[in-house]
């Protein structure tokens, strides 16, 4: 991750590292670029070690990175996403390290699969319910469900009880740009049957801007960023979710039965509508003007575009963190077993000697 606004790979790696630590592993996250400011990072600091990678160092080579990785004595290496150009040197080093190598990625479509040369397993973040059996991936590619482990019930979320009977619209803003765009849209929702929930880095700034835009403050709940269970709970309880144009955030909203307004984060940042399969577009506004987004919100407030059958199927797509951790452990044990076995020629020689001795 070069830009802290583009944090999907980091957050996915963090969730996985937390689960691996729970299973007795000692995870080290080597991150390129500044980390996000997020409560999940603070919660993981006791069980996960964080190191900073500097891809701009003069004279940096794959061989030097291999030596640095080897000094950490890893049992296996997991890369948070298929390599972008600044990360290709680390990708090459990880493949040559001689340890099981796993890549986490996301499934957009067949023509954007990450490279698999030298990779033992590629775990693709996706929603299988949308593909309805028409997707077949060959090894080492595998689909993994969303990293949704627990979802807080609506009644336990920190929202005044008098707002529980209204339709909720939840904005999740990891950076000021998304917050500003989200509030601009929300200020134009002239309906009194909605409550607006905003999760952001700076709740006080959010309230000031909302008031300046003329939003009704009695129906606004401005909170800091939440741990996963609460964040998922808000989206699960909402009629509409507003998130940045990141693939993981979009998929998580849909998995929770919540149609999505995906807010742009500036030129060239985040997910383009060209990369997302058209089957998602009835439920996701991506790259559309604000007037069209408003039309979508009003329609979705009146009726969820996801059918009850689809929402039921999506509710079963959970526990991707546990799934990935189990698959990674199986690759590790498989490779460890293969390395512990003598070479095939030696086994054949041993059998021949035993036959001769008989």
Protein backbone atom coordinates (compact mmCIF):
# COMPACT_ATOMS: atom_id res chain seq x y z
CA UNK A 1 0.00 0.00 0.00
CA UNK A 2 1.62 3.24 -1.16
CA UNK A 3 -1.22 5.59 -0.26
CA UNK A 4 -2.93 5.25 3.13
CA UNK A 5 -6.30 5.99 1.48
CA UNK A 6 -5.94 2.76 -0.52
CA UNK A 7 -6.06 0.36 2.37
CA UNK A 8 -7.98 -2.74 1.32
CA UNK A 9 -4.94 -5.00 1.07
CA UNK A 10 -3.61 -3.76 4.40
CA UNK A 11 -6.91 -4.27 6.23
CA UNK A 12 -7.34 -7.74 4.75
CA UNK A 13 -3.81 -8.68 5.82
CA UNK A 14 -4.48 -7.24 9.28
CA UNK A 15 -7.65 -9.28 9.75
CA UNK A 16 -5.85 -12.42 8.64
CA UNK A 17 -2.84 -11.72 10.87
CA UNK A 18 -5.13 -11.34 13.87
CA UNK A 19 -6.68 -14.74 13.17
CA UNK A 20 -3.27 -16.38 12.63
CA UNK A 21 -2.11 -14.92 15.96
CA UNK A 22 -5.21 -16.37 17.64
CA UNK A 23 -4.14 -19.77 16.26
CA UNK A 24 -0.67 -19.48 17.78
CA UNK A 25 1.29 -17.98 14.89
CA UNK A 26 3.51 -14.90 15.22
CA UNK A 27 2.53 -12.62 12.31
CA UNK A 28 4.73 -9.84 10.99
CA UNK A 29 3.13 -7.29 8.65
CA UNK A 30 5.67 -5.61 6.38
CA UNK A 31 3.85 -2.61 4.93
CA UNK A 32 4.93 -0.26 2.16
CA UNK A 33 3.64 3.20 2.98
CA UNK A 34 1.97 4.69 6.06
CA UNK A 35 -0.70 2.57 7.78
CA UNK A 36 -4.32 3.58 8.04
CA UNK A 37 -5.56 5.17 11.24
CA UNK A 38 -8.02 2.53 12.35
CA UNK A 39 -9.03 0.98 15.69
CA UNK A 40 -8.29 -2.49 14.28
CA UNK A 41 -4.58 -1.58 14.12
CA UNK A 42 -4.47 -0.54 17.77
CA UNK A 43 -6.33 -3.70 18.76
CA UNK A 44 -3.76 -5.87 16.95
CA UNK A 45 -0.58 -4.25 18.27
CA UNK A 46 -0.21 -6.76 21.09
CA UNK A 47 -0.25 -9.79 18.77
CA UNK A 48 1.03 -8.50 15.40
CA UNK A 49 4.43 -6.99 14.66
CA UNK A 50 4.53 -4.12 12.14
CA UNK A 51 7.56 -3.34 9.96
CA UNK A 52 7.92 -0.66 7.27
CA UNK A 53 9.15 -1.44 3.76
CA UNK A 54 10.95 1.28 1.80
CA UNK A 55 10.75 0.54 -1.90
CA UNK A 56 12.54 3.80 -2.74
CA UNK A 57 15.89 2.88 -1.21
CA UNK A 58 18.80 3.31 -3.63
CA UNK A 59 20.39 0.06 -4.75
CA UNK A 60 17.46 -2.07 -3.62
CA UNK A 61 17.44 -5.48 -5.32
CA UNK A 62 15.39 -8.66 -4.99
CA UNK A 63 18.44 -10.44 -3.60
CA UNK A 64 18.77 -7.84 -0.83
CA UNK A 65 15.07 -8.19 -0.01
CA UNK A 66 15.42 -11.99 0.09
CA UNK A 67 18.15 -11.60 2.70
CA UNK A 68 15.99 -9.21 4.74
CA UNK A 69 12.97 -11.54 4.54
CA UNK A 70 15.12 -14.56 5.45
CA UNK A 71 16.39 -12.72 8.55
CA UNK A 72 12.80 -12.69 9.82
CA UNK A 73 12.82 -16.53 9.64
CA UNK A 74 9.33 -16.85 8.17
CA UNK A 75 7.57 -20.21 7.92
CA UNK A 76 5.53 -18.84 5.04
CA UNK A 77 4.88 -15.57 3.19
CA UNK A 78 1.49 -14.03 2.41
CA UNK A 79 1.22 -11.05 0.07
CA UNK A 80 -1.77 -8.78 0.58
CA UNK A 81 -2.48 -8.29 -3.11
CA UNK A 82 -1.13 -9.07 -6.57
CA UNK A 83 1.86 -6.82 -7.12
CA UNK A 84 1.51 -3.27 -8.41
CA UNK A 85 4.69 -1.93 -10.10
CA UNK A 86 6.29 -0.55 -6.86
CA UNK A 87 5.75 -3.93 -5.16
CA UNK A 88 6.94 -6.24 -7.96
CA UNK A 89 10.44 -6.42 -6.52
CA UNK A 90 9.00 -7.70 -3.21
CA UNK A 91 6.75 -10.12 -5.09
CA UNK A 92 9.77 -11.52 -6.93
CA UNK A 93 11.74 -11.84 -3.69
CA UNK A 94 8.87 -13.63 -1.93
CA UNK A 95 8.58 -16.17 -4.75
CA UNK A 96 12.31 -16.92 -4.57
CA UNK A 97 12.51 -17.18 -0.79
CA UNK A 98 11.84 -20.91 -0.74
CA UNK A 99 8.86 -20.73 1.61
CA UNK A 100 5.19 -21.42 0.88
CA UNK A 101 3.93 -18.28 -0.89
CA UNK A 102 0.25 -17.25 -0.78
CA UNK A 103 -1.34 -14.22 -2.46
CA UNK A 104 -4.57 -12.54 -1.34
CA UNK A 105 -6.47 -10.80 -4.10
CA UNK A 106 -10.00 -10.09 -5.29
CA UNK A 107 -12.02 -11.48 -8.16
CA UNK A 108 -13.10 -8.74 -10.57
CA UNK A 109 -13.25 -10.81 -13.74
CA UNK A 110 -11.21 -13.42 -15.63
CA UNK A 111 -8.93 -10.95 -17.37
CA UNK A 112 -7.64 -9.38 -14.14
CA UNK A 113 -6.38 -12.54 -12.42
CA UNK A 114 -3.01 -11.95 -10.71
CA UNK A 115 0.08 -13.79 -11.89
CA UNK A 116 0.39 -17.28 -10.45
CA UNK A 117 3.96 -18.26 -11.39
CA UNK A 118 5.77 -19.41 -8.24
CA UNK A 119 2.62 -19.00 -6.11
CA UNK A 120 1.25 -21.89 -4.07
CA UNK A 121 -2.23 -20.44 -3.52
CA UNK A 122 -4.19 -17.36 -4.64
CA UNK A 123 -7.21 -16.60 -2.44
CA UNK A 124 -9.70 -14.41 -4.32
CA UNK A 125 -12.10 -12.20 -2.34
CA UNK A 126 -15.52 -12.55 -4.00
CA UNK A 127 -19.25 -13.14 -3.58
CA UNK A 128 -20.06 -16.53 -5.05
CA UNK A 129 -23.83 -15.87 -4.89
CA UNK A 130 -23.57 -13.34 -7.72
CA UNK A 131 -21.89 -15.84 -10.04
CA UNK A 132 -24.55 -18.51 -9.52
CA UNK A 133 -22.34 -21.42 -10.56
CA UNK A 134 -20.97 -19.86 -13.77
CA UNK A 135 -17.49 -19.27 -12.34
CA UNK A 136 -14.80 -21.94 -12.53
CA UNK A 137 -11.30 -21.15 -11.27
CA UNK A 138 -8.40 -23.54 -11.77
CA UNK A 139 -5.75 -24.02 -9.06
CA UNK A 140 -4.01 -22.17 -7.51
CA UNK A 141 -6.96 -19.73 -7.67
CA UNK A 142 -9.72 -20.18 -5.10
CA UNK A 143 -12.67 -18.01 -4.11
CA UNK A 144 -12.88 -16.94 -0.50
CA UNK A 145 -15.95 -15.44 1.20
CA UNK A 146 -15.83 -11.95 2.75
CA UNK A 147 -13.84 -11.42 5.94
CA UNK A 148 -17.02 -10.99 7.99
CA UNK A 149 -16.79 -12.95 11.22
CA UNK A 150 -19.28 -11.31 13.62
CA UNK A 151 -22.03 -8.74 13.07
CA UNK A 152 -23.36 -6.66 15.98
CA UNK A 153 -27.14 -6.69 16.32
CA UNK A 154 -28.93 -3.40 15.56
CA UNK A 155 -30.23 -3.15 19.11
CA UNK A 156 -26.65 -3.20 20.50
CA UNK A 157 -25.27 -0.43 18.26
CA UNK A 158 -24.58 3.01 19.80
CA UNK A 159 -27.57 4.80 18.24
CA UNK A 160 -30.33 6.56 20.22
CA UNK A 161 -33.38 4.33 20.53
CA UNK A 162 -35.66 7.01 19.03
CA UNK A 163 -33.85 6.59 15.68
CA UNK A 164 -34.26 2.82 15.46
CA UNK A 165 -37.61 2.96 13.65
CA UNK A 166 -36.17 5.06 10.78
CA UNK A 167 -34.36 3.88 7.66
CA UNK A 168 -30.62 4.04 8.29
CA UNK A 169 -28.15 5.35 5.73
CA UNK A 170 -24.56 4.69 6.82
CA UNK A 171 -21.49 6.51 5.52
CA UNK A 172 -18.07 4.97 6.23
CA UNK A 173 -15.31 7.53 5.53
CA UNK A 174 -11.67 6.64 6.10
CA UNK A 175 -10.49 9.98 4.72
CA UNK A 176 -11.75 13.60 4.51
CA UNK A 177 -12.35 13.47 0.75
CA UNK A 178 -14.88 10.64 1.06
CA UNK A 179 -16.45 12.32 4.10
CA UNK A 180 -16.99 15.56 2.16
CA UNK A 181 -18.49 13.77 -0.85
CA UNK A 182 -20.70 11.64 1.33
CA UNK A 183 -22.03 14.59 3.35
CA UNK A 184 -22.72 16.53 0.14
CA UNK A 185 -24.95 13.71 -1.05
CA UNK A 186 -26.58 13.11 2.34
CA UNK A 187 -27.43 16.81 2.74
CA UNK A 188 -29.67 16.49 -0.34
CA UNK A 189 -31.79 13.67 1.09
CA UNK A 190 -34.88 15.69 1.96
CA UNK A 191 -36.74 12.85 3.65
CA UNK A 192 -37.68 12.72 7.32
CA UNK A 193 -37.88 8.93 7.55
CA UNK A 194 -34.11 8.39 7.56
CA UNK A 195 -31.34 8.49 10.15
CA UNK A 196 -27.82 9.22 8.94
CA UNK A 197 -24.95 7.31 10.55
CA UNK A 198 -21.41 8.53 9.82
CA UNK A 199 -18.28 6.61 10.84
CA UNK A 200 -15.19 8.76 10.30
CA UNK A 201 -11.77 9.72 11.62
CA UNK A 202 -13.05 13.01 13.03
CA UNK A 203 -16.66 12.97 14.33
CA UNK A 204 -16.47 16.61 15.49
CA UNK A 205 -15.45 17.77 12.01
CA UNK A 206 -18.26 15.68 10.57
CA UNK A 207 -20.85 17.36 12.80
CA UNK A 208 -19.56 20.84 11.95
CA UNK A 209 -19.70 20.18 8.22
CA UNK A 210 -23.12 18.51 8.45
CA UNK A 211 -24.53 21.50 10.33
CA UNK A 212 -23.01 23.92 7.80
CA UNK A 213 -24.75 21.96 5.02
CA UNK A 214 -28.09 22.34 6.78
CA UNK A 215 -28.53 18.69 7.78
CA UNK A 216 -30.97 17.93 10.58
CA UNK A 217 -28.67 17.18 13.51
CA UNK A 218 -31.30 15.25 15.51
CA UNK A 219 -31.22 12.52 12.88
CA UNK A 220 -27.43 12.45 12.54
CA UNK A 221 -25.21 10.07 14.51
CA UNK A 222 -21.52 10.88 14.07
CA UNK A 223 -19.15 8.25 15.46
CA UNK A 224 -15.45 7.38 15.21
CA UNK A 225 -14.37 4.46 13.05
CA UNK A 226 -15.50 1.20 14.61
CA UNK A 227 -14.15 -2.29 15.09
CA UNK A 228 -15.32 -4.74 12.44
CA UNK A 229 -18.29 -6.22 14.30
CA UNK A 230 -19.89 -2.80 14.81
CA UNK A 231 -19.03 -1.49 11.34
CA UNK A 232 -20.62 -4.58 9.80
CA UNK A 233 -23.57 -4.19 12.16
CA UNK A 234 -24.29 -0.66 10.91
CA UNK A 235 -24.21 -1.73 7.27
CA UNK A 236 -26.30 -4.82 7.98
CA UNK A 237 -28.96 -2.60 9.60
CA UNK A 238 -28.89 0.04 6.85
CA UNK A 239 -31.08 0.54 3.80
CA UNK A 240 -28.15 2.12 1.93
CA UNK A 241 -24.38 2.18 2.51
CA UNK A 242 -22.00 4.91 1.35
CA UNK A 243 -18.38 3.79 1.17
CA UNK A 244 -15.30 4.64 -0.85
CA UNK A 245 -14.83 3.02 -4.27
CA UNK A 246 -12.86 0.07 -2.90
CA UNK A 247 -13.73 -3.45 -4.02
CA UNK A 248 -13.65 -4.97 -0.54
CA UNK A 249 -15.92 -2.34 0.97
CA UNK A 250 -18.39 -2.76 -1.89
CA UNK A 251 -18.43 -6.54 -1.54
CA UNK A 252 -18.79 -6.38 2.24
CA UNK A 253 -21.82 -4.09 1.93
CA UNK A 254 -23.49 -6.41 -0.57
CA UNK A 255 -22.71 -9.45 1.59
CA UNK A 256 -24.61 -7.68 4.38
CA UNK A 257 -27.61 -7.14 2.10
CA UNK A 258 -26.93 -3.41 1.76
CA UNK A 259 -26.93 -1.68 -1.68
CA UNK A 260 -23.95 0.62 -2.15
CA UNK A 261 -23.12 4.15 -3.24
CA UNK A 262 -19.38 3.94 -3.99
CA UNK A 263 -17.81 7.39 -3.58
CA UNK A 264 -14.82 8.34 -5.71
CA UNK A 265 -11.57 9.19 -3.90
CA UNK A 266 -10.00 11.37 -6.55
CA UNK A 267 -8.56 10.74 -9.99
CA UNK A 268 -7.07 7.28 -10.42
CA UNK A 269 -7.69 6.17 -6.82
CA UNK A 270 -9.76 3.11 -6.04
CA UNK A 271 -12.00 0.91 -8.15
CA UNK A 272 -13.12 1.86 -11.64
CA UNK A 273 -16.52 0.78 -12.94
CA UNK A 274 -14.65 -0.84 -15.85
CA UNK A 275 -13.20 -3.46 -13.46
CA UNK A 276 -16.47 -4.60 -11.93
CA UNK A 277 -18.76 -7.11 -13.61
CA UNK A 278 -22.02 -5.62 -14.89
CA UNK A 279 -24.09 -8.03 -12.80
CA UNK A 280 -23.29 -5.86 -9.73
CA UNK A 281 -24.56 -2.60 -11.21
CA UNK A 282 -28.24 -2.93 -10.17
CA UNK A 283 -27.02 -2.80 -6.56
CA UNK A 284 -23.94 -0.56 -6.80
CA UNK A 285 -23.56 3.04 -7.95
CA UNK A 286 -19.99 3.36 -9.18
CA UNK A 287 -18.70 6.30 -11.22
CA UNK A 288 -22.14 7.91 -11.53
CA UNK A 289 -23.02 11.62 -11.09
CA UNK A 290 -24.55 12.70 -7.78
CA UNK A 291 -28.04 13.20 -9.26
CA UNK A 292 -28.09 9.58 -10.39
CA UNK A 293 -26.77 8.48 -6.99
CA UNK A 294 -29.62 10.37 -5.31
CA UNK A 295 -32.14 8.61 -7.56
CA UNK A 296 -30.65 5.30 -6.51
CA UNK A 297 -30.81 6.15 -2.80
CA UNK A 298 -34.47 7.18 -2.97
CA UNK A 299 -35.38 4.01 -4.87
CA UNK A 300 -33.43 1.79 -2.46
CA UNK A 301 -35.02 3.44 0.58
CA UNK A 302 -38.42 2.39 -0.78
CA UNK A 303 -37.36 -1.13 -1.73
CA UNK A 304 -34.14 -3.11 -1.32
CA UNK A 305 -32.96 -4.05 -4.84
CA UNK A 306 -31.52 -7.33 -3.51
CA UNK A 307 -34.22 -9.97 -3.48
CA UNK A 308 -34.98 -11.81 -0.21
CA UNK A 309 -33.59 -15.00 -1.76
CA UNK A 310 -30.34 -13.25 -2.71
CA UNK A 311 -30.02 -11.67 0.74
CA UNK A 312 -30.49 -15.07 2.33
CA UNK A 313 -27.78 -16.59 0.13
CA UNK A 314 -25.42 -13.70 0.82
CA UNK A 315 -25.95 -14.07 4.58
CA UNK A 316 -24.20 -17.45 4.32
CA UNK A 317 -21.06 -15.96 2.76
CA UNK A 318 -19.12 -15.35 5.95
CA UNK A 319 -15.99 -16.34 7.86
CA UNK A 320 -13.48 -15.68 5.08
CA UNK A 321 -10.76 -14.97 7.65
CA UNK A 322 -11.11 -18.44 9.17
CA UNK A 323 -11.34 -20.01 5.72
CA UNK A 324 -8.13 -18.31 4.53
CA UNK A 325 -6.23 -19.13 7.73
CA UNK A 326 -7.20 -22.80 7.42
CA UNK A 327 -6.19 -22.96 3.74
CA UNK A 328 -2.88 -21.24 4.48
CA UNK A 329 -2.13 -23.67 7.30
CA UNK A 330 -2.92 -26.60 4.99
CA UNK A 331 -0.46 -25.29 2.38
CA UNK A 332 2.17 -24.86 5.08
CA UNK A 333 1.69 -28.42 6.39
CA UNK A 334 1.68 -29.82 2.85
CA UNK A 335 4.93 -28.10 1.91
CA UNK A 336 6.53 -29.01 5.25
CA UNK A 337 5.60 -32.66 4.70
CA UNK A 338 7.01 -32.60 1.16
CA UNK A 339 10.29 -31.09 2.35
CA UNK A 340 10.59 -33.63 5.16
CA UNK A 341 10.28 -36.60 2.77
CA UNK A 342 13.46 -37.91 1.16
CA UNK A 343 13.76 -37.40 -2.61
CA UNK A 344 11.91 -39.89 -4.81
CA UNK A 345 15.11 -41.54 -6.05
CA UNK A 346 16.22 -42.10 -2.46
CA UNK A 347 12.88 -43.69 -1.55
CA UNK A 348 13.11 -45.99 -4.56
CA UNK A 349 16.68 -46.96 -3.62
CA UNK A 350 15.60 -47.68 -0.06
CA UNK A 351 12.77 -49.94 -1.30
CA UNK A 352 15.19 -51.77 -3.60
CA UNK A 353 17.65 -52.34 -0.77
CA UNK A 354 14.89 -53.68 1.43
CA UNK A 355 13.78 -56.06 -1.37
CA UNK A 356 17.38 -57.25 -1.94
CA UNK A 357 17.94 -57.82 1.77
CA UNK A 358 14.86 -60.04 1.87
